[in-house]
């Protein structure tokens, strides 16, 4: 699944524990880039694989799996890690909030 514009992604990596969210994620010109709610990130891509619900990317530093952020993923992995523990009623509400998150 290609990365979609205006979509928030949940990021997982066994080698990089500093990742969680990716906003404005793009895969272009040999780079994977995103805004993580506090800073921009960019990595040179060695390889990537489309997944049914996202993308797996291998860089020099680590492997990253980006999955579209759903209400289920938010509740299980994100909510308790973000300031305010904002409640949402649906995946669209989560996506809408992060679509307008200040950059």
Protein backbone atom coordinates (compact mmCIF):
# COMPACT_ATOMS: atom_id res chain seq x y z
CA UNK A 1 0.00 0.00 0.00
CA UNK A 2 1.61 3.31 -0.97
CA UNK A 3 1.80 6.06 1.63
CA UNK A 4 -1.26 8.27 1.35
CA UNK A 5 -1.25 12.06 1.69
CA UNK A 6 -2.97 13.58 4.75
CA UNK A 7 -2.77 10.25 6.57
CA UNK A 8 -1.30 9.55 10.02
CA UNK A 9 0.69 6.35 10.42
CA UNK A 10 1.73 4.29 13.42
CA UNK A 11 5.46 3.50 13.17
CA UNK A 12 7.10 0.44 14.67
CA UNK A 13 10.78 -0.51 14.75
CA UNK A 14 12.63 -3.08 16.84
CA UNK A 15 15.85 -1.11 16.30
CA UNK A 16 14.55 2.44 16.93
CA UNK A 17 12.44 2.89 20.05
CA UNK A 18 12.04 6.63 19.44
CA UNK A 19 9.36 6.25 16.77
CA UNK A 20 5.58 6.13 17.13
CA UNK A 21 3.73 8.48 14.75
CA UNK A 22 4.39 9.62 11.21
CA UNK A 23 2.55 12.60 9.72
CA UNK A 24 3.07 13.75 6.13
CA UNK A 25 5.00 10.53 5.41
CA UNK A 26 6.57 10.36 1.97
CA UNK A 27 8.71 7.85 0.13
CA UNK A 28 10.52 9.63 -2.70
CA UNK A 29 13.93 10.09 -4.29
CA UNK A 30 15.40 7.26 -2.21
CA UNK A 31 14.24 8.81 1.08
CA UNK A 32 11.59 8.06 3.68
CA UNK A 33 10.48 11.29 5.37
CA UNK A 34 7.89 12.19 7.99
CA UNK A 35 7.02 14.61 10.79
CA UNK A 36 6.71 12.83 14.16
CA UNK A 37 4.71 15.59 15.96
CA UNK A 38 7.87 17.29 17.24
CA UNK A 39 10.50 17.03 14.47
CA UNK A 40 11.09 16.03 10.89
CA UNK A 41 12.79 12.73 10.16
CA UNK A 42 14.47 11.50 6.98
CA UNK A 43 16.19 8.22 6.19
CA UNK A 44 17.90 6.85 3.10
CA UNK A 45 15.98 3.80 1.94
CA UNK A 46 17.78 0.54 1.20
CA UNK A 47 14.59 -1.35 0.35
CA UNK A 48 10.85 -1.24 0.92
CA UNK A 49 7.88 -3.58 0.74
CA UNK A 50 4.23 -2.68 0.33
CA UNK A 51 2.00 -4.29 2.94
CA UNK A 52 -1.80 -4.58 2.90
CA UNK A 53 -2.11 -1.96 5.66
CA UNK A 54 1.08 0.05 5.15
CA UNK A 55 4.74 -0.16 4.27
CA UNK A 56 7.92 -1.80 5.56
CA UNK A 57 11.10 0.18 4.92
CA UNK A 58 14.70 -0.83 5.54
CA UNK A 59 17.23 1.97 6.07
CA UNK A 60 20.90 1.96 7.05
CA UNK A 61 19.90 2.51 10.67
CA UNK A 62 16.77 0.40 11.16
CA UNK A 63 13.69 -1.20 9.69
CA UNK A 64 10.38 0.63 10.03
CA UNK A 65 6.84 -0.55 9.56
CA UNK A 66 4.26 2.15 8.95
CA UNK A 67 0.59 1.26 9.33
CA UNK A 68 -2.36 3.59 8.89
CA UNK A 69 -3.32 4.84 12.35
CA UNK A 70 -6.71 3.39 13.31
CA UNK A 71 -8.74 3.89 16.47
CA UNK A 72 -7.73 0.37 17.55
CA UNK A 73 -4.01 1.06 17.11
CA UNK A 74 -4.39 4.45 18.79
CA UNK A 75 -6.09 2.93 21.85
CA UNK A 76 -3.62 0.02 22.11
CA UNK A 77 -0.31 1.79 21.41
CA UNK A 78 -0.58 5.58 21.27
CA UNK A 79 -3.15 7.04 23.65
CA UNK A 80 -1.21 6.42 26.88
CA UNK A 81 2.01 7.72 25.30
CA UNK A 82 0.77 11.16 24.20
CA UNK A 83 0.08 14.25 26.26
CA UNK A 84 -3.57 14.69 27.12
CA UNK A 85 -4.63 11.09 26.37
CA UNK A 86 -7.21 12.52 23.98
CA UNK A 87 -10.22 10.19 23.46
CA UNK A 88 -11.53 9.56 19.94
CA UNK A 89 -14.68 7.81 18.77
CA UNK A 90 -13.49 6.58 15.37
CA UNK A 91 -10.55 6.12 13.05
CA UNK A 92 -11.71 9.13 11.04
CA UNK A 93 -11.68 11.27 14.21
CA UNK A 94 -8.08 10.17 14.95
CA UNK A 95 -7.04 10.87 11.36
CA UNK A 96 -8.79 14.26 11.36
CA UNK A 97 -7.04 15.33 14.57
CA UNK A 98 -3.58 14.45 13.22
CA UNK A 99 -4.40 15.90 9.80
CA UNK A 100 -4.67 19.30 11.52
CA UNK A 101 -1.89 18.75 14.06
CA UNK A 102 0.35 21.86 14.22
CA UNK A 103 3.57 21.56 12.29
